C-alpha atoms as a PDB file:
ATOM      1  CA  MET A   1     -53.989 -34.393   8.427  1.00  0.00           C
ATOM      2  CA  ASN A   2     -52.124 -35.269   5.049  1.00  0.00           C
ATOM      3  CA  ASN A   3     -48.738 -35.613   6.053  1.00  0.00           C
ATOM      4  CA  SER A   4     -47.156 -33.681   3.312  1.00  0.00           C
ATOM      5  CA  PHE A   5     -48.883 -31.068   3.727  1.00  0.00           C
ATOM      6  CA  ASN A   6     -46.811 -28.031   4.257  1.00  0.00           C
ATOM      7  CA  PHE A   7     -47.905 -25.176   6.341  1.00  0.00           C
ATOM      8  CA  PRO A   8     -47.812 -21.625   4.799  1.00  0.00           C
ATOM      9  CA  LYS A   9     -44.796 -19.348   6.029  1.00  0.00           C
ATOM     10  CA  VAL A  10     -46.807 -16.338   7.436  1.00  0.00           C
ATOM     11  CA  PHE A  11     -48.810 -19.415   9.814  1.00  0.00           C
ATOM     12  CA  LEU A  12     -44.880 -20.900  11.506  1.00  0.00           C
ATOM     13  CA  ASP A  13     -43.813 -17.470  11.992  1.00  0.00           C
ATOM     14  CA  MET A  14     -47.725 -17.311  13.784  1.00  0.00           C
ATOM     15  CA  ASP A  15     -46.926 -20.268  16.256  1.00  0.00           C
ATOM     16  CA  ARG A  16     -43.342 -20.017  16.615  1.00  0.00           C
ATOM     17  CA  LEU A  17     -44.102 -16.664  18.939  1.00  0.00           C
ATOM     18  CA  GLY A  18     -46.993 -17.665  20.306  1.00  0.00           C
ATOM     19  CA  TRP A  19     -49.525 -16.197  18.337  1.00  0.00           C
ATOM     20  CA  THR A  20     -51.234 -19.209  18.625  1.00  0.00           C
ATOM     21  CA  GLN A  21     -51.506 -20.473  21.439  1.00  0.00           C
ATOM     22  CA  ASN A  22     -53.293 -19.206  24.275  1.00  0.00           C
ATOM     23  CA  CYS A  23     -50.744 -17.169  26.101  1.00  0.00           C
ATOM     24  CA  GLU A  24     -49.600 -13.463  27.136  1.00  0.00           C
ATOM     25  CA  GLU A  25     -48.658 -13.120  22.761  1.00  0.00           C
ATOM     26  CA  TYR A  26     -51.887 -14.967  20.838  1.00  0.00           C
ATOM     27  CA  VAL A  27     -53.082 -12.184  18.505  1.00  0.00           C
ATOM     28  CA  TRP A  28     -56.340 -12.272  18.636  1.00  0.00           C
ATOM     29  CA  PHE A  29     -58.167 -12.302  14.972  1.00  0.00           C
ATOM     30  CA  ASP A  30     -62.200 -11.273  14.766  1.00  0.00           C
ATOM     31  CA  ASP A  31     -63.951 -14.429  14.902  1.00  0.00           C
ATOM     32  CA  MET A  32     -60.893 -16.366  13.640  1.00  0.00           C
ATOM     33  CA  GLU A  33     -59.328 -18.088  16.467  1.00  0.00           C
ATOM     34  CA  TRP A  34     -56.296 -20.020  15.662  1.00  0.00           C
ATOM     35  CA  TYR A  35     -55.372 -23.696  16.621  1.00  0.00           C
ATOM     36  CA  SER A  36     -51.623 -24.697  16.902  1.00  0.00           C
ATOM     37  CA  ILE A  37     -49.642 -26.706  14.919  1.00  0.00           C
ATOM     38  CA  ASP A  38     -49.617 -28.836  17.944  1.00  0.00           C
ATOM     39  CA  GLU A  39     -53.031 -29.510  17.635  1.00  0.00           C
ATOM     40  CA  ILE A  40     -53.579 -29.406  13.871  1.00  0.00           C
ATOM     41  CA  VAL A  41     -51.042 -32.308  13.839  1.00  0.00           C
ATOM     42  CA  ASN A  42     -52.332 -34.389  16.331  1.00  0.00           C
ATOM     43  CA  TRP A  43     -55.635 -34.506  16.671  1.00  0.00           C
ATOM     44  CA  ARG A  44     -57.491 -36.359  16.178  1.00  0.00           C
ATOM     45  CA  PRO A  45     -60.355 -36.505  13.446  1.00  0.00           C
ATOM     46  CA  GLU A  46     -63.354 -37.630  16.237  1.00  0.00           C
ATOM     47  CA  GLU A  47     -62.605 -34.926  17.730  1.00  0.00           C
ATOM     48  CA  ARG A  48     -63.071 -32.436  14.484  1.00  0.00           C
ATOM     49  CA  ILE A  49     -65.895 -30.063  13.871  1.00  0.00           C
ATOM     50  CA  VAL A  50     -64.629 -31.160  10.084  1.00  0.00           C
ATOM     51  CA  SER A  51     -62.808 -34.207   9.927  1.00  0.00           C
ATOM     52  CA  SER A  52     -62.064 -34.597   6.066  1.00  0.00           C
ATOM     53  CA  PRO A  53     -58.846 -35.285   4.044  1.00  0.00           C
ATOM     54  CA  LEU A  54     -59.588 -32.736   2.031  1.00  0.00           C
ATOM     55  CA  ILE A  55     -59.334 -29.701   4.570  1.00  0.00           C
ATOM     56  CA  VAL A  56     -56.591 -28.616   6.944  1.00  0.00           C
ATOM     57  CA  PRO A  57     -58.715 -26.461   9.684  1.00  0.00           C
ATOM     58  CA  PHE A  58     -56.182 -23.874  11.601  1.00  0.00           C
ATOM     59  CA  ALA A  59     -58.923 -21.601  13.489  1.00  0.00           C
ATOM     60  CA  HIS A  60     -62.492 -21.793  13.697  1.00  0.00           C
ATOM     61  CA  THR A  61     -65.011 -18.986  14.549  1.00  0.00           C
ATOM     62  CA  GLY A  62     -67.277 -17.935  17.457  1.00  0.00           C
ATOM     63  CA  GLY A  63     -70.641 -19.773  16.058  1.00  0.00           C
ATOM     64  CA  GLY A  64     -67.985 -23.519  15.948  1.00  0.00           C
ATOM     65  CA  ASP A  65     -67.330 -22.892  11.918  1.00  0.00           C
ATOM     66  CA  ASP A  66     -63.736 -23.955  10.956  1.00  0.00           C
ATOM     67  CA  TRP A  67     -61.585 -21.912   8.679  1.00  0.00           C
ATOM     68  CA  GLY A  68     -58.987 -24.262   6.866  1.00  0.00           C
ATOM     69  CA  TRP A  69     -57.068 -24.645   3.674  1.00  0.00           C
ATOM     70  CA  TYR A  70     -58.496 -26.909   1.802  1.00  0.00           C
ATOM     71  CA  ILE A  71     -55.553 -28.860   0.116  1.00  0.00           C
ATOM     72  CA  GLU A  72     -57.182 -30.060  -3.658  1.00  0.00           C
ATOM     73  CA  ASP A  73     -54.663 -29.131  -4.670  1.00  0.00           C
ATOM     74  CA  ILE A  74     -51.935 -30.173  -2.044  1.00  0.00           C
ATOM     75  CA  ASN A  75     -49.224 -27.275  -3.425  1.00  0.00           C
ATOM     76  CA  ASN A  76     -51.829 -24.748  -3.950  1.00  0.00           C
ATOM     77  CA  PRO A  77     -54.177 -24.694  -0.980  1.00  0.00           C
ATOM     78  CA  ILE A  78     -57.285 -22.319  -0.896  1.00  0.00           C
ATOM     79  CA  VAL A  79     -58.333 -20.584   1.963  1.00  0.00           C
ATOM     80  CA  VAL A  80     -62.313 -21.516   3.509  1.00  0.00           C
ATOM     81  CA  LEU A  81     -65.230 -21.017   5.318  1.00  0.00           C
ATOM     82  CA  CYS A  82     -66.363 -24.418   6.511  1.00  0.00           C
ATOM     83  CA  TYR A  83     -69.679 -24.227   8.643  1.00  0.00           C
ATOM     84  CA  HIS A  84     -70.487 -27.117  11.219  1.00  0.00           C
ATOM     85  CA  ASP A  85     -73.522 -28.111  10.151  1.00  0.00           C
ATOM     86  CA  ASP A  86     -73.177 -28.602   6.497  1.00  0.00           C
ATOM     87  CA  THR A  87     -70.393 -30.388   4.267  1.00  0.00           C
ATOM     88  CA  ILE A  88     -70.378 -27.286   2.147  1.00  0.00           C
ATOM     89  CA  ALA A  89     -67.592 -25.347   2.273  1.00  0.00           C
ATOM     90  CA  LYS A  90     -67.331 -21.342   1.421  1.00  0.00           C
ATOM     91  CA  VAL A  91     -64.075 -20.102  -0.888  1.00  0.00           C
ATOM     92  CA  TYR A  92     -62.829 -17.761   1.212  1.00  0.00           C
ATOM     93  CA  ALA A  93     -59.262 -16.549   0.140  1.00  0.00           C
ATOM     94  CA  LYS A  94     -56.636 -17.581  -2.904  1.00  0.00           C
ATOM     95  CA  ASN A  95     -53.486 -18.454   0.020  1.00  0.00           C
ATOM     96  CA  PHE A  96     -53.715 -17.626   3.855  1.00  0.00           C
ATOM     97  CA  GLU A  97     -51.798 -14.144   3.301  1.00  0.00           C
ATOM     98  CA  GLU A  98     -55.380 -12.495   1.240  1.00  0.00           C
ATOM     99  CA  ALA A  99     -57.016 -14.235   3.759  1.00  0.00           C
ATOM    100  CA  LEU A 100     -55.461 -12.224   6.239  1.00  0.00           C
ATOM    101  CA  PHE A 101     -56.500  -9.089   4.406  1.00  0.00           C
ATOM    102  CA  ARG A 102     -59.902 -10.053   3.661  1.00  0.00           C
ATOM    103  CA  HIS A 103     -60.059 -10.483   7.002  1.00  0.00           C
ATOM    104  CA  ILE A 104     -58.807  -7.620   7.999  1.00  0.00           C
ATOM    105  CA  LEU A 105     -60.912  -5.440   5.282  1.00  0.00           C
ATOM    106  CA  GLU A 106     -64.185  -7.568   6.173  1.00  0.00           C
ATOM    107  CA  TYR A 107     -63.675  -5.792   9.688  1.00  0.00           C
ATOM    108  CA  VAL A 108     -63.267  -2.663   9.020  1.00  0.00           C
ATOM    109  CA  SER A 109     -67.798  -2.796   7.029  1.00  0.00           C
ATOM    110  CA  GLU A 110     -68.884  -5.168   9.953  1.00  0.00           C
ATOM    111  CA  SER A 111     -71.953  -3.871  12.383  1.00  0.00           C
ATOM    112  CA  ASN A 112     -69.412  -5.453  15.396  1.00  0.00           C
ATOM    113  CA  ILE A 113     -67.462  -1.432  15.708  1.00  0.00           C
ATOM    114  CA  ASP A 114     -68.425   0.352  19.156  1.00  0.00           C
ATOM    115  CA  CYS A 115     -64.819   2.381  19.948  1.00  0.00           C
ATOM    116  CA  ILE A 116     -62.966   3.804  17.408  1.00  0.00           C
ATOM    117  CA  ASP A 117     -59.412   3.564  19.021  1.00  0.00           C
ATOM    118  CA  GLU A 118     -60.125  -0.210  19.836  1.00  0.00           C
ATOM    119  CA  ALA A 119     -60.395  -1.330  16.331  1.00  0.00           C
ATOM    120  CA  LYS A 120     -58.330   1.309  15.270  1.00  0.00           C
ATOM    121  CA  GLU A 121     -55.419  -0.488  17.738  1.00  0.00           C
ATOM    122  CA  HIS A 122     -56.959  -4.291  16.394  1.00  0.00           C
ATOM    123  CA  ILE A 123     -56.225  -3.199  12.869  1.00  0.00           C
ATOM    124  CA  LEU A 124     -52.558  -1.362  13.893  1.00  0.00           C
ATOM    125  CA  ASN A 125     -51.611  -4.486  15.094  1.00  0.00           C
ATOM    126  CA  TRP A 126     -52.790  -7.037  12.840  1.00  0.00           C
ATOM    127  CA  LYS A 127     -50.942  -4.502  10.333  1.00  0.00           C
ATOM    128  CA  ASN A 128     -47.720  -4.742  12.952  1.00  0.00           C
ATOM    129  CA  ALA A 129     -48.060  -8.418  13.180  1.00  0.00           C
ATOM    130  CA  PHE A 130     -48.629  -9.319   8.894  1.00  0.00           C
ATOM    131  CA  GLY A 131     -47.959  -6.922   7.491  1.00  0.00           C
ATOM    132  CA  ARG A 132     -44.300  -7.667   7.078  1.00  0.00           C
ATOM    133  CA  HIS A 133     -46.442 -10.904   4.830  1.00  0.00           C
ATOM    134  CA  PHE A 134     -49.064  -7.997   2.664  1.00  0.00           C
ATOM    135  CA  LYS A 135     -48.367  -6.559  -0.900  1.00  0.00           C
ATOM    136  CA  THR A 136     -47.022  -2.345   0.196  1.00  0.00           C
ATOM    137  CA  GLU A 137     -50.841  -2.200  -1.732  1.00  0.00           C
ATOM    138  CA  TRP A 138     -52.426  -3.722   0.796  1.00  0.00           C
ATOM    139  CA  ASN A 139     -50.502  -2.268   4.011  1.00  0.00           C
ATOM    140  CA  ASN A 140     -51.150   1.168   2.402  1.00  0.00           C
ATOM    141  CA  GLU A 141     -55.172   0.494   1.861  1.00  0.00           C
ATOM    142  CA  ILE A 142     -54.642  -0.656   5.623  1.00  0.00           C
ATOM    143  CA  GLU A 143     -52.615   2.959   6.245  1.00  0.00           C
ATOM    144  CA  ASN A 144     -55.606   4.730   4.597  1.00  0.00           C
ATOM    145  CA  ILE A 145     -58.246   2.664   7.473  1.00  0.00           C
ATOM    146  CA  LEU A 146     -56.543   4.065  10.038  1.00  0.00           C
ATOM    147  CA  SER A 147     -56.854   7.056   8.763  1.00  0.00           C
ATOM    148  CA  LEU A 148     -60.785   7.235   8.664  1.00  0.00           C
ATOM    149  CA  GLU A 149     -63.260   8.041  10.890  1.00  0.00           C
ATOM    150  CA  LEU A 150     -66.666   5.921  11.971  1.00  0.00           C
ATOM    151  CA  LYS A 151     -69.423   6.466   9.317  1.00  0.00           C
ATOM    152  CA  GLN A 152     -73.357   5.781   9.879  1.00  0.00           C
ATOM    153  CA  TYR A 153     -74.179   2.444   7.188  1.00  0.00           C
ATOM    154  CA  LYS A 154     -77.899   1.749   6.531  1.00  0.00           C
ATOM    155  CA  GLU A 155     -79.237  -1.702   4.808  1.00  0.00           C
ATOM    156  CA  ILE A 156     -81.782  -3.289   5.119  1.00  0.00           C
ATOM    157  CA  ARG A 157     -82.599  -7.205   6.449  1.00  0.00           C
ATOM    158  CA  PHE A 158     -85.091  -9.306   6.261  1.00  0.00           C
ATOM    159  CA  LYS A 159     -87.276  -6.099   6.131  1.00  0.00           C
ATOM    160  CA  VAL A 160     -86.100  -4.094   8.852  1.00  0.00           C
ATOM    161  CA  ASN A 161     -83.283  -1.368   8.312  1.00  0.00           C
ATOM    162  CA  TYR A 162     -80.258  -1.533  10.307  1.00  0.00           C
ATOM    163  CA  THR A 163     -78.168   1.235  11.128  1.00  0.00           C
ATOM    164  CA  TYR A 164     -74.096   0.485  12.480  1.00  0.00           C
ATOM    165  CA  ASN A 165     -70.724   2.260  12.374  1.00  0.00           C
ATOM    166  CA  VAL A 166     -68.296   1.462   9.790  1.00  0.00           C
ATOM    167  CA  LEU A 167     -65.206   2.472   8.681  1.00  0.00           C
ATOM    168  CA  LEU A 168     -65.476   1.660   5.041  1.00  0.00           C
ATOM    169  CA  THR A 169     -69.193   0.350   3.923  1.00  0.00           C
ATOM    170  CA  PRO A 170     -68.973  -3.221   2.744  1.00  0.00           C
ATOM    171  CA  GLN A 171     -69.595  -1.644  -0.665  1.00  0.00           C
ATOM    172  CA  GLU A 172     -66.256  -0.382  -0.599  1.00  0.00           C
ATOM    173  CA  VAL A 173     -65.122  -3.545   0.672  1.00  0.00           C
ATOM    174  CA  GLU A 174     -66.028  -5.003  -2.103  1.00  0.00           C
ATOM    175  CA  LEU A 175     -64.371  -2.879  -4.561  1.00  0.00           C
ATOM    176  CA  LEU A 176     -60.873  -3.088  -2.990  1.00  0.00           C
ATOM    177  CA  ILE A 177     -61.399  -7.365  -2.589  1.00  0.00           C
ATOM    178  CA  GLN A 178     -61.940  -7.531  -6.789  1.00  0.00           C
ATOM    179  CA  LYS A 179     -59.077  -4.894  -6.932  1.00  0.00           C
ATOM    180  CA  TYR A 180     -56.275  -6.498  -5.113  1.00  0.00           C
ATOM    181  CA  ILE A 181     -57.146 -10.099  -3.632  1.00  0.00           C
ATOM    182  CA  PHE A 182     -60.886 -11.187  -6.314  1.00  0.00           C
ATOM    183  CA  PHE A 183     -59.990 -15.112  -8.015  1.00  0.00           C
ATOM    184  CA  ASP A 184     -62.432 -17.219  -9.908  1.00  0.00           C
ATOM    185  CA  LYS A 185     -62.953 -19.186  -7.137  1.00  0.00           C
ATOM    186  CA  MET A 186     -64.012 -16.914  -4.326  1.00  0.00           C
ATOM    187  CA  ASP A 187     -67.579 -16.935  -2.345  1.00  0.00           C
ATOM    188  CA  SER A 188     -67.978 -20.596  -4.270  1.00  0.00           C
ATOM    189  CA  GLU A 189     -67.921 -23.477  -2.409  1.00  0.00           C
ATOM    190  CA  VAL A 190     -66.941 -26.948  -2.454  1.00  0.00           C
ATOM    191  CA  VAL A 191     -68.226 -30.256  -0.519  1.00  0.00           C
ATOM    192  CA  TRP A 192     -65.089 -31.373   2.289  1.00  0.00           C
ATOM    193  CA  ASP A 193     -67.314 -34.043   3.755  1.00  0.00           C
ATOM    194  CA  ILE A 194     -65.806 -36.587   0.899  1.00  0.00           C
ATOM    195  CA  GLY A 195     -66.310 -39.863   3.212  1.00  0.00           C
END
């Protein structure tokens, strides 16, 4: 790991509170399974899915992709999603706080909400955990989401009709992303394997 990298304050707090470790305090975050600072600092490159001096992984997905800080500009690390079967990463957010907020927004628009009470419990837990690092308007949007009921969303994927329940539609979430956290590199691709 790059010795001059400074972990974001929110991640340092998370690790200090035990939220990144496999223990009772761990904070589950949908498809973002945390690495502890100790794991990040002490991993050897051959143990990593992503082995690049430009990426500091902080979590992984259930599918084996890595979430990481892209440190081409060490003073402004951006959050990327590195695909395990490619050398390409998708730029996800300008910083860690924005990545957390975007991830909450996307969670409420995906097909994984079976039980509204459980989904709202997760959202409230995330707001309680991360909200002090969020802008006031982000917390206001999360409060608004917590007041919503599930609605059906229909889409066509690969010529098949899908219907599932959401709190916000993907289009509504996209508008919130555009309003609060969009930046020029969002969803662009970077090559993380420079070897």
